[in-house]
Protein backbone atom coordinates (compact mmCIF):
# COMPACT_ATOMS: atom_id res chain seq x y z
CA MET A 1 13.20 -10.08 -30.27
CA ILE A 2 12.78 -6.67 -30.48
CA VAL A 3 9.23 -4.99 -28.93
CA MET A 4 7.67 -2.07 -28.48
CA ASN A 5 4.29 -0.12 -28.35
CA LEU A 6 3.77 2.06 -31.12
CA THR A 7 1.94 4.80 -30.91
CA VAL A 8 1.28 7.70 -33.38
CA ASP A 9 4.19 9.81 -32.38
CA LYS A 10 6.68 6.63 -32.42
CA VAL A 11 5.63 5.95 -36.45
CA ASN A 12 7.80 8.70 -38.03
CA LYS A 13 10.88 7.63 -35.80
CA LEU A 14 10.22 4.38 -36.51
CA CYS A 15 10.48 4.48 -39.58
CA ASN A 16 13.30 6.73 -40.21
CA ILE A 17 15.24 4.25 -38.03
CA CYS A 18 13.95 1.27 -40.30
CA ASP A 19 15.10 3.62 -43.43
CA ALA A 20 18.53 4.24 -42.37
CA PHE A 21 19.31 1.00 -42.55
CA ASP A 22 20.53 -0.97 -45.59
CA PHE A 23 18.21 -4.27 -44.67
CA ASP A 24 14.69 -5.11 -44.43
CA VAL A 25 12.55 -4.47 -41.32
CA ASN A 26 9.46 -6.40 -40.60
CA ILE A 27 7.00 -4.69 -38.04
CA VAL A 28 5.22 -8.09 -36.83
CA SER A 29 1.58 -7.95 -34.68
CA GLY A 30 -0.33 -11.27 -34.77
CA ARG A 31 -0.51 -12.57 -38.25
CA VAL A 32 0.09 -9.00 -39.51
CA CYS A 33 3.24 -8.01 -40.93
CA VAL A 34 4.70 -4.86 -42.64
CA ASP A 35 7.87 -3.48 -43.84
CA GLY A 36 9.48 -0.93 -41.38
CA LYS A 37 10.02 1.46 -43.88
CA SER A 38 6.18 1.67 -44.96
CA VAL A 39 4.87 4.71 -43.22
CA MET A 40 1.25 4.02 -44.41
CA GLY A 41 1.99 0.45 -43.49
CA VAL A 42 3.26 0.85 -39.75
CA MET A 43 0.30 3.78 -39.17
CA LYS A 44 -1.73 0.71 -39.03
CA MET A 45 -0.32 -1.25 -36.35
CA CYS A 46 -0.27 1.86 -34.10
CA GLY A 47 -1.74 1.06 -30.41
CA ARG A 48 -0.43 -2.43 -30.47
CA LYS A 49 2.55 -4.15 -29.22
CA VAL A 50 4.75 -5.21 -32.05
CA THR A 51 7.95 -7.11 -32.65
CA VAL A 52 10.40 -5.50 -34.79
CA ILE A 53 12.74 -7.96 -36.93
CA PRO A 54 15.52 -6.43 -38.64
CA VAL A 55 16.47 -8.89 -41.60
CA THR A 56 20.21 -9.58 -41.35
CA ASP A 57 22.89 -11.52 -40.45
CA ASP A 58 25.25 -8.95 -39.34
CA GLU A 59 25.59 -8.57 -35.69
CA ASP A 60 27.02 -5.31 -35.81
CA ALA A 61 24.11 -3.82 -37.99
CA TRP A 62 22.20 -5.73 -35.79
CA GLU A 63 23.40 -4.08 -32.22
CA ARG A 64 23.37 -0.83 -34.04
CA PHE A 65 19.92 -1.13 -35.23
CA TYR A 66 18.72 -1.92 -31.52
CA GLN A 67 20.49 0.64 -29.76
CA ARG A 68 18.66 3.37 -31.73
CA MET A 69 15.18 1.98 -31.48
CA SER A 70 16.00 1.90 -27.68
CA GLU A 71 17.14 5.15 -27.17
CA GLU A 72 15.04 6.51 -29.84
CA VAL A 73 11.60 4.75 -29.54
CA ASP A 74 11.77 2.93 -25.80
CA ALA A 75 12.19 -0.51 -27.75
CA TYR A 76 13.65 -3.14 -25.41
CA LYS A 77 14.75 -7.07 -25.85
CA GLU A 78 12.07 -9.94 -25.13
CA GLU A 79 13.30 -13.43 -24.87
CA SER A 80 11.11 -15.57 -26.94
């Protein structure tokens, strides 16, 4: 599970990372789930700790996605 604290400064970076991959990405906080490629949707999540869920079975793509997330928006893995 990929987790991050979402700030206004990170919204565009997060959406750009999500756009770079050809799979869906869900951003979840509590019961709210938005499309990671939607700037307006992601903006609604600012100030929250969010879970980033890439919807793919491709382990290599998942690792590349996580690598970019950790480098560019300080995301981290959290055990569930």
